[in-house]
Amino acid sequence: MLAALRGVLRDSKLSEEARCSRAALGLQLLLSLADEDAMRAACMVLDAPSLSDEALLCACQAASQPDVSGRSAAAFVRVALLPRLQALDQPASRTLFAALLCMMKQHARVLLDELVVPAMWSRAGELTAAQAEALQRLVREAPAPLLGRALAAFLRGEGGEPTRWTEPQAALLQTLLSRAPPLEPGCVAELLLQADAYVEALRKSLKFANLLNTLVRSHGAQLLAHIPAVRRVAERLDSFMKKTILAAIAKLDTTSTT
């Protein structure tokens, strides 16, 4: 069955509609696999990393059906989609991004947990421009109520070890915070702790300054208990935005003492 599915998905002569129709039964079998090892073995038969974007869209449309369990969707994202995003060195095609959006609409939490956050950790090195762009677009499309949870997961880090911040991570965190998600208790304190750890490396970065500015302006109420910490980070910036951010912090400080 999987060998036949591989042939259908790789048949470039088929239209998108014909491909999805002929692949329906095989995809149903694939997406019934909730075990990651079984999903990985099936995707090896399909040679999922080398599938065309059109074939991947077909698979994502099937995975986005309401009857596909969250566990099966998570295994599919980890095995088939995360490696595709991590291999991006050119901007994602419209077709590939449409495939990711299919998953976002039905399995937003799964896509954030199993693709966006692990890709942001990026232990292999700094995110490429193409990877960062795709992640930015996904964060903008994600339901805002789920983004606070994603931020907390990013800050905890892979295996409980926080990741190294670079400019792409700073830009992604700024985009996430600009959506004004509800933040989990302790999240602001941990964010500031990690920002303090990386401010020396990123003090000239406009993206890092934008992150701090967004944190102050969009989450001021939650910063009231952390004024000294956020000021300590802002004072070490080497950016034209430094004075503006410090002024906003001073205004927050005044509010907290009145």
Protein backbone atom coordinates (compact mmCIF):
# COMPACT_ATOMS: atom_id res chain seq x y z
CA MET A 1 0.00 0.00 0.00
CA LEU A 2 2.75 2.49 0.95
CA ALA A 3 4.78 1.63 -2.14
CA ALA A 4 1.72 2.36 -4.28
CA LEU A 5 1.16 5.61 -2.37
CA ARG A 6 4.75 6.61 -3.07
CA GLY A 7 4.17 6.13 -6.80
CA VAL A 8 0.99 8.22 -6.78
CA LEU A 9 2.56 11.05 -4.79
CA ARG A 10 5.54 11.15 -7.15
CA ASP A 11 3.55 11.06 -10.39
CA SER A 12 4.18 14.53 -11.83
CA LYS A 13 1.62 13.94 -14.59
CA LEU A 14 -1.29 13.93 -12.13
CA SER A 15 -3.23 17.05 -11.29
CA GLU A 16 -3.49 18.01 -7.62
CA GLU A 17 -7.10 16.79 -7.53
CA ALA A 18 -6.27 13.45 -9.17
CA ARG A 19 -3.22 12.92 -6.96
CA CYS A 20 -5.19 13.52 -3.75
CA SER A 21 -8.06 11.33 -4.93
CA ARG A 22 -5.82 8.37 -5.82
CA ALA A 23 -3.72 8.78 -2.69
CA ALA A 24 -6.67 9.00 -0.31
CA LEU A 25 -6.66 5.38 0.88
CA GLY A 26 -2.89 5.22 1.32
CA LEU A 27 -2.83 8.52 3.20
CA GLN A 28 -5.64 7.28 5.43
CA LEU A 29 -3.44 4.30 6.33
CA LEU A 30 -0.40 6.51 6.89
CA LEU A 31 -2.30 8.91 9.13
CA SER A 32 -3.71 6.12 11.27
CA LEU A 33 -0.18 5.61 12.60
CA ALA A 34 -0.03 7.36 15.96
CA ASP A 35 3.31 5.78 16.88
CA GLU A 36 6.28 7.91 15.82
CA ASP A 37 8.49 4.92 15.00
CA ALA A 38 5.80 3.47 12.72
CA MET A 39 5.25 6.87 11.12
CA ARG A 40 9.00 7.27 10.59
CA ALA A 41 9.24 3.85 8.95
CA ALA A 42 6.29 4.66 6.68
CA CYS A 43 7.80 8.00 5.70
CA MET A 44 11.08 6.25 4.89
CA VAL A 45 9.18 4.05 2.43
CA LEU A 46 7.67 7.21 0.92
CA ASP A 47 11.06 8.99 1.04
CA ALA A 48 9.12 11.92 2.50
CA PRO A 49 12.02 14.44 2.52
CA SER A 50 12.22 14.31 -1.27
CA LEU A 51 8.49 14.56 -1.99
CA SER A 52 7.50 17.55 -4.10
CA ASP A 53 5.74 20.46 -2.41
CA GLU A 54 2.59 19.48 -4.32
CA ALA A 55 2.71 15.94 -2.93
CA LEU A 56 3.34 17.28 0.57
CA LEU A 57 0.32 19.57 0.22
CA CYS A 58 -1.79 16.54 -0.68
CA ALA A 59 -0.57 14.74 2.45
CA CYS A 60 -1.19 17.78 4.65
CA GLN A 61 -4.72 18.17 3.31
CA ALA A 62 -5.37 14.58 4.35
CA ALA A 63 -3.71 15.15 7.74
CA SER A 64 -5.89 18.21 8.32
CA GLN A 65 -9.14 16.25 8.32
CA PRO A 66 -11.08 16.36 11.62
CA ASP A 67 -10.89 12.58 12.05
CA VAL A 68 -7.07 12.56 12.20
CA SER A 69 -6.04 12.38 15.85
CA GLY A 70 -3.73 14.92 17.41
CA ARG A 71 -1.25 12.15 18.20
CA SER A 72 -1.12 11.00 14.59
CA ALA A 73 -0.84 14.59 13.38
CA ALA A 74 2.04 15.19 15.80
CA ALA A 75 3.93 12.15 14.52
CA PHE A 76 3.37 13.29 10.92
CA VAL A 77 4.62 16.81 11.67
CA ARG A 78 7.75 15.57 13.46
CA VAL A 79 8.67 13.06 10.78
CA ALA A 80 7.54 14.71 7.53
CA LEU A 81 7.25 18.47 8.04
CA LEU A 82 9.93 19.48 10.55
CA PRO A 83 12.80 18.03 8.46
CA ARG A 84 11.42 19.83 5.40
CA LEU A 85 11.42 23.18 7.18
CA GLN A 86 14.85 22.58 8.73
CA ALA A 87 16.26 21.91 5.25
CA LEU A 88 14.96 25.18 3.76
CA ASP A 89 17.69 27.29 2.21
CA GLN A 90 15.40 29.08 -0.26
CA PRO A 91 12.11 30.89 0.51
CA ALA A 92 9.23 28.46 1.01
CA SER A 93 7.07 28.10 -2.07
CA ARG A 94 3.41 29.10 -1.96
CA THR A 95 2.55 25.42 -2.17
CA LEU A 96 4.72 24.47 0.79
CA PHE A 97 3.35 27.30 2.90
CA ALA A 98 -0.20 26.31 1.90
CA ALA A 99 0.63 22.81 3.18
CA LEU A 100 1.77 24.22 6.52
CA LEU A 101 -1.34 26.40 6.78
CA CYS A 102 -3.53 23.34 6.21
CA MET A 103 -2.04 21.85 9.34
CA MET A 104 -2.32 25.13 11.23
CA LYS A 105 -6.08 25.37 10.62
CA GLN A 106 -6.90 21.95 12.07
CA HIS A 107 -3.90 21.20 14.31
CA ALA A 108 -2.52 24.59 15.39
CA ARG A 109 -1.25 23.41 18.77
CA VAL A 110 0.44 20.41 17.20
CA LEU A 111 2.16 22.56 14.57
CA LEU A 112 3.42 24.99 17.20
CA ASP A 113 4.60 22.22 19.54
CA GLU A 114 6.16 19.93 16.96
CA LEU A 115 7.41 22.31 14.24
CA VAL A 116 7.59 25.98 15.21
CA VAL A 117 9.16 25.63 18.67
CA PRO A 118 11.65 22.85 17.75
CA ALA A 119 12.71 24.83 14.67
CA MET A 120 13.25 27.94 16.83
CA TRP A 121 15.56 25.95 19.10
CA SER A 122 17.76 25.29 16.05
CA ARG A 123 20.60 23.49 17.81
CA ALA A 124 22.22 22.82 14.44
CA GLY A 125 23.11 26.50 14.14
CA GLU A 126 21.56 29.84 13.27
CA LEU A 127 18.29 29.73 11.37
CA THR A 128 18.58 30.44 7.66
CA ALA A 129 16.72 33.46 6.28
CA ALA A 130 14.27 31.11 4.56
CA GLN A 131 13.56 29.17 7.77
CA ALA A 132 13.11 32.37 9.77
CA GLU A 133 10.74 33.83 7.17
CA ALA A 134 8.56 30.70 7.14
CA LEU A 135 8.43 30.64 10.94
CA GLN A 136 7.56 34.35 11.07
CA ARG A 137 4.62 33.76 8.75
CA LEU A 138 3.41 30.79 10.79
CA VAL A 139 3.60 32.77 14.04
CA ARG A 140 1.53 35.54 12.44
CA GLU A 141 -1.10 32.98 11.37
CA ALA A 142 -1.24 31.03 14.64
CA PRO A 143 -4.09 31.59 17.11
CA ALA A 144 -2.83 34.19 19.60
CA PRO A 145 -4.13 32.31 22.68
CA LEU A 146 -1.73 29.42 21.88
CA LEU A 147 1.36 31.58 21.47
CA GLY A 148 1.96 32.14 25.18
CA ARG A 149 2.26 28.39 25.60
CA ALA A 150 4.65 28.22 22.65
CA LEU A 151 6.80 30.98 24.16
CA ALA A 152 7.03 29.12 27.46
CA ALA A 153 8.07 25.95 25.60
CA PHE A 154 10.76 27.84 23.66
CA LEU A 155 12.16 29.33 26.86
CA ARG A 156 12.32 25.92 28.57
CA GLY A 157 14.48 24.73 25.68
CA GLU A 158 15.05 21.35 24.15
CA GLY A 159 15.50 18.78 26.90
CA GLY A 160 15.24 21.57 29.47
CA GLU A 161 18.33 23.34 28.13
CA PRO A 162 17.54 26.89 26.91
CA THR A 163 18.68 27.62 23.37
CA ARG A 164 21.18 30.25 22.28
CA TRP A 165 19.54 33.45 21.05
CA THR A 166 20.53 34.86 17.67
CA GLU A 167 18.94 37.62 15.60
CA PRO A 168 16.40 35.27 13.95
CA GLN A 169 15.20 34.07 17.37
CA ALA A 170 14.94 37.66 18.59
CA ALA A 171 12.84 38.60 15.55
CA LEU A 172 10.57 35.58 16.04
CA LEU A 173 10.09 36.37 19.73
CA GLN A 174 9.23 39.97 18.83
CA THR A 175 6.61 38.82 16.33
CA LEU A 176 5.17 36.41 18.88
CA LEU A 177 4.94 39.07 21.59
CA SER A 178 3.40 41.57 19.16
CA ARG A 179 0.40 39.22 18.89
CA ALA A 180 -0.21 40.01 22.60
CA PRO A 181 -0.70 36.41 23.73
CA PRO A 182 -1.57 35.61 27.35
CA LEU A 183 1.69 34.72 29.08
CA GLU A 184 2.08 31.91 31.57
CA PRO A 185 3.14 32.75 35.16
CA GLY A 186 6.89 33.10 35.34
CA CYS A 187 7.24 33.49 31.58
CA VAL A 188 8.18 37.19 31.72
CA ALA A 189 10.79 36.56 34.40
CA GLU A 190 12.37 33.73 32.37
CA LEU A 191 12.27 35.81 29.18
CA LEU A 192 14.12 38.65 30.91
CA LEU A 193 16.61 36.23 32.45
CA GLN A 194 17.50 34.88 29.02
CA ALA A 195 17.50 38.36 27.44
CA ASP A 196 19.97 39.43 30.12
CA ALA A 197 22.19 36.48 29.20
CA TYR A 198 22.33 37.45 25.52
CA VAL A 199 22.16 41.25 25.56
CA GLU A 200 25.95 41.60 25.24
CA ALA A 201 25.94 39.52 22.05
CA LEU A 202 22.88 41.29 20.64
CA ARG A 203 23.21 44.80 22.06
CA LYS A 204 23.66 46.34 18.58
CA SER A 205 20.86 44.29 17.04
CA LEU A 206 17.80 46.25 15.95
CA LYS A 207 15.79 43.02 16.10
CA PHE A 208 16.73 42.52 19.75
CA ALA A 209 15.88 46.15 20.52
CA ASN A 210 12.51 45.70 18.79
CA LEU A 211 11.88 42.64 20.93
CA LEU A 212 12.51 44.60 24.11
CA ASN A 213 10.41 47.52 22.88
CA THR A 214 7.48 45.21 22.08
CA LEU A 215 7.76 43.53 25.47
CA VAL A 216 7.61 46.88 27.26
CA ARG A 217 4.78 48.34 25.19
CA SER A 218 2.59 45.24 24.76
CA HIS A 219 3.09 43.54 28.12
CA GLY A 220 3.73 46.48 30.43
CA ALA A 221 1.29 45.31 33.09
CA GLN A 222 3.20 42.06 33.51
CA LEU A 223 6.53 43.92 33.67
CA LEU A 224 5.61 45.95 36.76
CA ALA A 225 7.18 43.36 39.05
CA HIS A 226 10.29 43.19 36.87
CA ILE A 227 11.24 46.84 36.30
CA PRO A 228 14.86 46.51 37.55
CA ALA A 229 15.46 43.46 35.34
CA VAL A 230 14.09 44.98 32.14
CA ARG A 231 15.91 48.26 32.81
CA ARG A 232 19.19 46.38 33.30
CA VAL A 233 18.80 44.81 29.86
CA ALA A 234 17.76 48.07 28.17
CA GLU A 235 20.66 50.04 29.63
CA ARG A 236 23.14 47.76 27.86
CA LEU A 237 21.66 48.27 24.40
CA ASP A 238 23.76 50.00 21.77
CA SER A 239 20.86 51.11 19.57
CA PHE A 240 19.08 54.32 18.64
CA MET A 241 16.01 52.78 20.31
CA LYS A 242 17.67 52.68 23.73
CA LYS A 243 16.40 56.07 24.94
CA THR A 244 12.86 55.36 23.75
CA ILE A 245 12.77 52.01 25.53
CA LEU A 246 14.23 53.44 28.74
CA ALA A 247 11.64 56.24 28.66
CA ALA A 248 8.84 53.69 28.32
CA ILE A 249 10.28 51.72 31.23
CA ALA A 250 10.49 54.88 33.34
CA LYS A 251 6.83 55.58 32.58
CA LEU A 252 5.93 52.06 33.69
CA ASP A 253 7.95 52.54 36.86
CA THR A 254 6.08 55.76 37.63
CA THR A 255 2.77 53.98 37.09
CA SER A 256 3.76 51.18 39.45
CA THR A 257 4.57 53.58 42.29
CA THR A 258 1.45 55.76 42.05
